[in-house]
Amino acid sequence: MKQIAVDPTYIPAPGTPEEFNDIPGTTLFDMQRSRQGYHLNMFCMSLMKPENRAEFRVNEAAYLQKFPMSPGQREAVLKRDWNRMIELGGNIYFLSKLFSSDGLSFQHVAALMTGSTQEQYAQMMLAGGRSVEGNRSKSGRKPRHSKSERKRRG
C-alpha cells in the first residue's frame, strides 16, 4: 500500500466528517452511514420481537436474508464483528438489540471493541476514559488550540 504524506500543519474545518475521521477509534454516524446501514439497523430492530429473536437463533444466515444488507454486513453480523458493523453503517443503539439478544452488555461489547477485558474497560472508564495522549490524530497533526489559546500565543 502506498503511503501518503500528511501535512501536520493541515487542520480540517471544525465539525466536518474529515475532522472526525482523523480521531482514532471514532466513526462518525452521519447521513451517509445512516443510509448505508439502514437495513442492518432494521434487522437489529426486528430483534425486539421475541418471535424474531427465536427465528434468528434457529438459522441466523437464513433470517438475515430477509433484509437487503450487503454481504459484508451479513458477514459482520454472523461473526459478531461489532467494529465492522459500525464501519458499515450500524448504529450502536441499534446494534444493542443484537448484543442484548446474545446476552451481552454494553460494557462487554465496548470491551471487545477496544480489545480489552471487561474489567480493564471498566477501570479505564472509572479513571476518566481513554487517554488523549496518542489518541488525538491518526495523521499526527497537532491538536487544535482554542481561540483564547491562539490569541495568547500571538
C-alpha atoms as a PDB file:
ATOM      1  CA  MET A   1       0.000   0.000   0.000  1.00  0.00           C
ATOM      2  CA  LYS A   2       1.310   3.435  -0.948  1.00  0.00           C
ATOM      3  CA  GLN A   3       1.996   5.806   1.948  1.00  0.00           C
ATOM      4  CA  ILE A   4       0.514   9.272   1.581  1.00  0.00           C
ATOM      5  CA  ALA A   5       2.455  12.186   3.008  1.00  0.00           C
ATOM      6  CA  VAL A   6       0.402  14.136   5.534  1.00  0.00           C
ATOM      7  CA  ASP A   7       0.902  17.812   6.211  1.00  0.00           C
ATOM      8  CA  PRO A   8       0.948  18.012  10.045  1.00  0.00           C
ATOM      9  CA  THR A   9       0.005  21.691   9.852  1.00  0.00           C
ATOM     10  CA  TYR A  10      -3.237  20.973   7.943  1.00  0.00           C
ATOM     11  CA  ILE A  11      -6.314  21.275  10.130  1.00  0.00           C
ATOM     12  CA  PRO A  12      -9.712  20.159   8.757  1.00  0.00           C
ATOM     13  CA  ALA A  13     -12.641  22.501   9.240  1.00  0.00           C
ATOM     14  CA  PRO A  14     -14.315  22.062  12.652  1.00  0.00           C
ATOM     15  CA  GLY A  15     -17.251  19.688  12.699  1.00  0.00           C
ATOM     16  CA  THR A  16     -16.589  18.160   9.285  1.00  0.00           C
ATOM     17  CA  PRO A  17     -16.509  14.391   8.697  1.00  0.00           C
ATOM     18  CA  GLU A  18     -12.853  14.783   7.723  1.00  0.00           C
ATOM     19  CA  GLU A  19     -12.045  16.122  11.185  1.00  0.00           C
ATOM     20  CA  PHE A  20     -13.834  13.249  12.939  1.00  0.00           C
ATOM     21  CA  ASN A  21     -12.280  10.601  10.670  1.00  0.00           C
ATOM     22  CA  ASP A  22      -8.847  11.663  11.921  1.00  0.00           C
ATOM     23  CA  ILE A  23      -9.657  10.736  15.544  1.00  0.00           C
ATOM     24  CA  PRO A  24      -8.550   7.175  16.360  1.00  0.00           C
ATOM     25  CA  GLY A  25     -11.428   4.909  17.326  1.00  0.00           C
ATOM     26  CA  THR A  26     -14.066   7.361  16.121  1.00  0.00           C
ATOM     27  CA  THR A  27     -16.580   6.518  13.426  1.00  0.00           C
ATOM     28  CA  LEU A  28     -18.946   9.347  12.631  1.00  0.00           C
ATOM     29  CA  PHE A  29     -22.541   8.168  12.228  1.00  0.00           C
ATOM     30  CA  ASP A  30     -23.603  10.684   9.615  1.00  0.00           C
ATOM     31  CA  MET A  31     -26.255  10.711   6.902  1.00  0.00           C
ATOM     32  CA  GLN A  32     -24.100   8.589   4.580  1.00  0.00           C
ATOM     33  CA  ARG A  33     -23.548   5.875   7.208  1.00  0.00           C
ATOM     34  CA  SER A  34     -27.191   6.055   8.207  1.00  0.00           C
ATOM     35  CA  ARG A  35     -28.214   5.266   4.633  1.00  0.00           C
ATOM     36  CA  GLN A  36     -25.546   2.592   4.294  1.00  0.00           C
ATOM     37  CA  GLY A  37     -26.642   0.871   7.492  1.00  0.00           C
ATOM     38  CA  TYR A  38     -30.405   1.243   7.164  1.00  0.00           C
ATOM     39  CA  HIS A  39     -31.162  -2.449   6.549  1.00  0.00           C
ATOM     40  CA  LEU A  40     -28.560  -3.604   9.092  1.00  0.00           C
ATOM     41  CA  ASN A  41     -30.169  -1.374  11.695  1.00  0.00           C
ATOM     42  CA  MET A  42     -33.684  -2.522  10.726  1.00  0.00           C
ATOM     43  CA  PHE A  43     -32.548  -6.132  11.158  1.00  0.00           C
ATOM     44  CA  CYS A  44     -31.364  -5.227  14.659  1.00  0.00           C
ATOM     45  CA  MET A  45     -34.679  -3.544  15.437  1.00  0.00           C
ATOM     46  CA  SER A  46     -36.523  -6.677  14.346  1.00  0.00           C
ATOM     47  CA  LEU A  47     -34.904  -8.488  17.277  1.00  0.00           C
ATOM     48  CA  MET A  48     -37.091  -6.508  19.678  1.00  0.00           C
ATOM     49  CA  LYS A  49     -39.842  -9.063  18.999  1.00  0.00           C
ATOM     50  CA  PRO A  50     -39.404 -12.405  20.802  1.00  0.00           C
ATOM     51  CA  GLU A  51     -40.626 -14.396  17.790  1.00  0.00           C
ATOM     52  CA  ASN A  52     -37.977 -12.769  15.572  1.00  0.00           C
ATOM     53  CA  ARG A  53     -35.216 -13.492  18.090  1.00  0.00           C
ATOM     54  CA  ALA A  54     -36.319 -17.136  18.184  1.00  0.00           C
ATOM     55  CA  GLU A  55     -36.319 -17.379  14.381  1.00  0.00           C
ATOM     56  CA  PHE A  56     -32.893 -15.717  14.195  1.00  0.00           C
ATOM     57  CA  ARG A  57     -31.440 -18.192  16.707  1.00  0.00           C
ATOM     58  CA  VAL A  58     -32.665 -21.193  14.668  1.00  0.00           C
ATOM     59  CA  ASN A  59     -30.857 -20.130  11.462  1.00  0.00           C
ATOM     60  CA  GLU A  60     -29.052 -16.788  11.562  1.00  0.00           C
ATOM     61  CA  ALA A  61     -27.947 -16.790   7.912  1.00  0.00           C
ATOM     62  CA  ALA A  62     -31.444 -17.570   6.654  1.00  0.00           C
ATOM     63  CA  TYR A  63     -33.017 -14.893   8.853  1.00  0.00           C
ATOM     64  CA  LEU A  64     -30.566 -12.285   7.581  1.00  0.00           C
ATOM     65  CA  GLN A  65     -31.726 -12.959   4.009  1.00  0.00           C
ATOM     66  CA  LYS A  66     -34.972 -11.155   4.880  1.00  0.00           C
ATOM     67  CA  PHE A  67     -33.015  -7.893   4.914  1.00  0.00           C
ATOM     68  CA  PRO A  68     -31.275  -6.454   1.816  1.00  0.00           C
ATOM     69  CA  MET A  69     -27.922  -5.978   3.540  1.00  0.00           C
ATOM     70  CA  SER A  70     -24.566  -6.096   1.820  1.00  0.00           C
ATOM     71  CA  PRO A  71     -22.597  -9.357   2.015  1.00  0.00           C
ATOM     72  CA  GLY A  72     -20.103  -7.540   4.265  1.00  0.00           C
ATOM     73  CA  GLN A  73     -22.842  -6.516   6.675  1.00  0.00           C
ATOM     74  CA  ARG A  74     -24.195 -10.085   6.837  1.00  0.00           C
ATOM     75  CA  GLU A  75     -20.696 -11.444   7.437  1.00  0.00           C
ATOM     76  CA  ALA A  76     -20.062  -8.899  10.204  1.00  0.00           C
ATOM     77  CA  VAL A  77     -23.338  -9.887  11.913  1.00  0.00           C
ATOM     78  CA  LEU A  78     -22.579 -13.601  11.693  1.00  0.00           C
ATOM     79  CA  LYS A  79     -19.057 -13.051  13.053  1.00  0.00           C
ATOM     80  CA  ARG A  80     -20.307 -10.533  15.628  1.00  0.00           C
ATOM     81  CA  ASP A  81     -17.654  -8.109  14.395  1.00  0.00           C
ATOM     82  CA  TRP A  82     -19.026  -5.058  16.194  1.00  0.00           C
ATOM     83  CA  ASN A  83     -16.437  -2.584  14.882  1.00  0.00           C
ATOM     84  CA  ARG A  84     -17.025  -3.724  11.303  1.00  0.00           C
ATOM     85  CA  MET A  85     -20.797  -3.379  11.731  1.00  0.00           C
ATOM     86  CA  ILE A  86     -20.256   0.230  12.837  1.00  0.00           C
ATOM     87  CA  GLU A  87     -17.970   0.887   9.851  1.00  0.00           C
ATOM     88  CA  LEU A  88     -20.740  -0.479   7.611  1.00  0.00           C
ATOM     89  CA  GLY A  89     -23.404   1.843   8.993  1.00  0.00           C
ATOM     90  CA  GLY A  90     -24.508   0.116  12.157  1.00  0.00           C
ATOM     91  CA  ASN A  91     -25.537   2.402  14.979  1.00  0.00           C
ATOM     92  CA  ILE A  92     -24.504   1.220  18.441  1.00  0.00           C
ATOM     93  CA  TYR A  93     -28.024   1.766  19.810  1.00  0.00           C
ATOM     94  CA  PHE A  94     -29.497  -0.466  17.106  1.00  0.00           C
ATOM     95  CA  LEU A  95     -26.647  -2.977  17.475  1.00  0.00           C
ATOM     96  CA  SER A  96     -27.522  -3.181  21.167  1.00  0.00           C
ATOM     97  CA  LYS A  97     -30.637  -5.160  20.156  1.00  0.00           C
ATOM     98  CA  LEU A  98     -28.334  -7.812  18.674  1.00  0.00           C
ATOM     99  CA  PHE A  99     -25.857  -7.987  21.516  1.00  0.00           C
ATOM    100  CA  SER A 100     -28.650  -7.953  24.074  1.00  0.00           C
ATOM    101  CA  SER A 101     -30.181 -10.905  22.212  1.00  0.00           C
ATOM    102  CA  ASP A 102     -26.814 -12.610  22.697  1.00  0.00           C
ATOM    103  CA  GLY A 103     -26.971 -11.840  26.421  1.00  0.00           C
ATOM    104  CA  LEU A 104     -24.147  -9.265  26.281  1.00  0.00           C
ATOM    105  CA  SER A 105     -23.999  -5.870  27.989  1.00  0.00           C
ATOM    106  CA  PHE A 106     -22.816  -2.550  26.588  1.00  0.00           C
ATOM    107  CA  GLN A 107     -19.730  -2.827  28.799  1.00  0.00           C
ATOM    108  CA  HIS A 108     -18.929  -6.299  27.466  1.00  0.00           C
ATOM    109  CA  VAL A 109     -19.236  -5.222  23.827  1.00  0.00           C
ATOM    110  CA  ALA A 110     -17.327  -1.969  24.400  1.00  0.00           C
ATOM    111  CA  ALA A 111     -14.513  -4.014  25.944  1.00  0.00           C
ATOM    112  CA  LEU A 112     -14.477  -6.317  22.904  1.00  0.00           C
ATOM    113  CA  MET A 113     -14.460  -3.316  20.566  1.00  0.00           C
ATOM    114  CA  THR A 114     -11.480  -1.760  22.340  1.00  0.00           C
ATOM    115  CA  GLY A 115      -9.522  -5.004  22.661  1.00  0.00           C
ATOM    116  CA  SER A 116      -9.679  -5.076  26.443  1.00  0.00           C
ATOM    117  CA  THR A 117     -11.309  -7.188  29.112  1.00  0.00           C
ATOM    118  CA  GLN A 118     -14.497  -6.010  30.791  1.00  0.00           C
ATOM    119  CA  GLU A 119     -12.522  -5.264  33.938  1.00  0.00           C
ATOM    120  CA  GLN A 120      -9.879  -3.265  32.039  1.00  0.00           C
ATOM    121  CA  TYR A 121     -12.572  -1.341  30.186  1.00  0.00           C
ATOM    122  CA  ALA A 122     -14.464  -0.567  33.406  1.00  0.00           C
ATOM    123  CA  GLN A 123     -11.251   0.615  35.113  1.00  0.00           C
ATOM    124  CA  MET A 124     -10.383   2.830  32.135  1.00  0.00           C
ATOM    125  CA  MET A 125     -13.823   4.447  32.234  1.00  0.00           C
ATOM    126  CA  LEU A 126     -13.730   4.879  36.014  1.00  0.00           C
ATOM    127  CA  ALA A 127     -10.336   6.552  35.617  1.00  0.00           C
ATOM    128  CA  GLY A 128     -11.795   9.127  33.231  1.00  0.00           C
ATOM    129  CA  GLY A 129     -11.770   7.289  29.906  1.00  0.00           C
ATOM    130  CA  ARG A 130      -9.184   6.765  27.226  1.00  0.00           C
ATOM    131  CA  SER A 131      -6.122   8.980  27.486  1.00  0.00           C
ATOM    132  CA  VAL A 132      -5.884  11.663  24.809  1.00  0.00           C
ATOM    133  CA  GLU A 133      -2.149  11.056  24.541  1.00  0.00           C
ATOM    134  CA  GLY A 134      -1.565   9.150  21.319  1.00  0.00           C
ATOM    135  CA  ASN A 135      -5.271   9.271  20.506  1.00  0.00           C
ATOM    136  CA  ARG A 136      -5.726  12.779  19.127  1.00  0.00           C
ATOM    137  CA  SER A 137      -4.988  12.169  15.466  1.00  0.00           C
ATOM    138  CA  LYS A 138      -4.323   9.287  13.072  1.00  0.00           C
ATOM    139  CA  SER A 139      -2.426  11.635  10.782  1.00  0.00           C
ATOM    140  CA  GLY A 140      -0.185  13.017  13.515  1.00  0.00           C
ATOM    141  CA  ARG A 141      -1.435  16.573  13.121  1.00  0.00           C
ATOM    142  CA  LYS A 142      -1.101  18.824  16.090  1.00  0.00           C
ATOM    143  CA  PRO A 143      -4.179  19.415  18.270  1.00  0.00           C
ATOM    144  CA  ARG A 144      -6.245  22.497  17.562  1.00  0.00           C
ATOM    145  CA  HIS A 145      -5.910  25.243  20.164  1.00  0.00           C
ATOM    146  CA  SER A 146      -8.852  27.243  21.460  1.00  0.00           C
ATOM    147  CA  LYS A 147      -9.353  30.824  20.272  1.00  0.00           C
ATOM    148  CA  SER A 148      -8.146  32.173  23.628  1.00  0.00           C
ATOM    149  CA  GLU A 149      -5.029  29.953  23.416  1.00  0.00           C
ATOM    150  CA  ARG A 150      -4.275  31.157  19.865  1.00  0.00           C
ATOM    151  CA  LYS A 151      -4.641  34.811  20.975  1.00  0.00           C
ATOM    152  CA  ARG A 152      -2.355  34.220  23.941  1.00  0.00           C
ATOM    153  CA  ARG A 153       0.285  32.575  21.733  1.00  0.00           C
ATOM    154  CA  GLY A 154       0.164  35.553  19.414  1.00  0.00           C
END
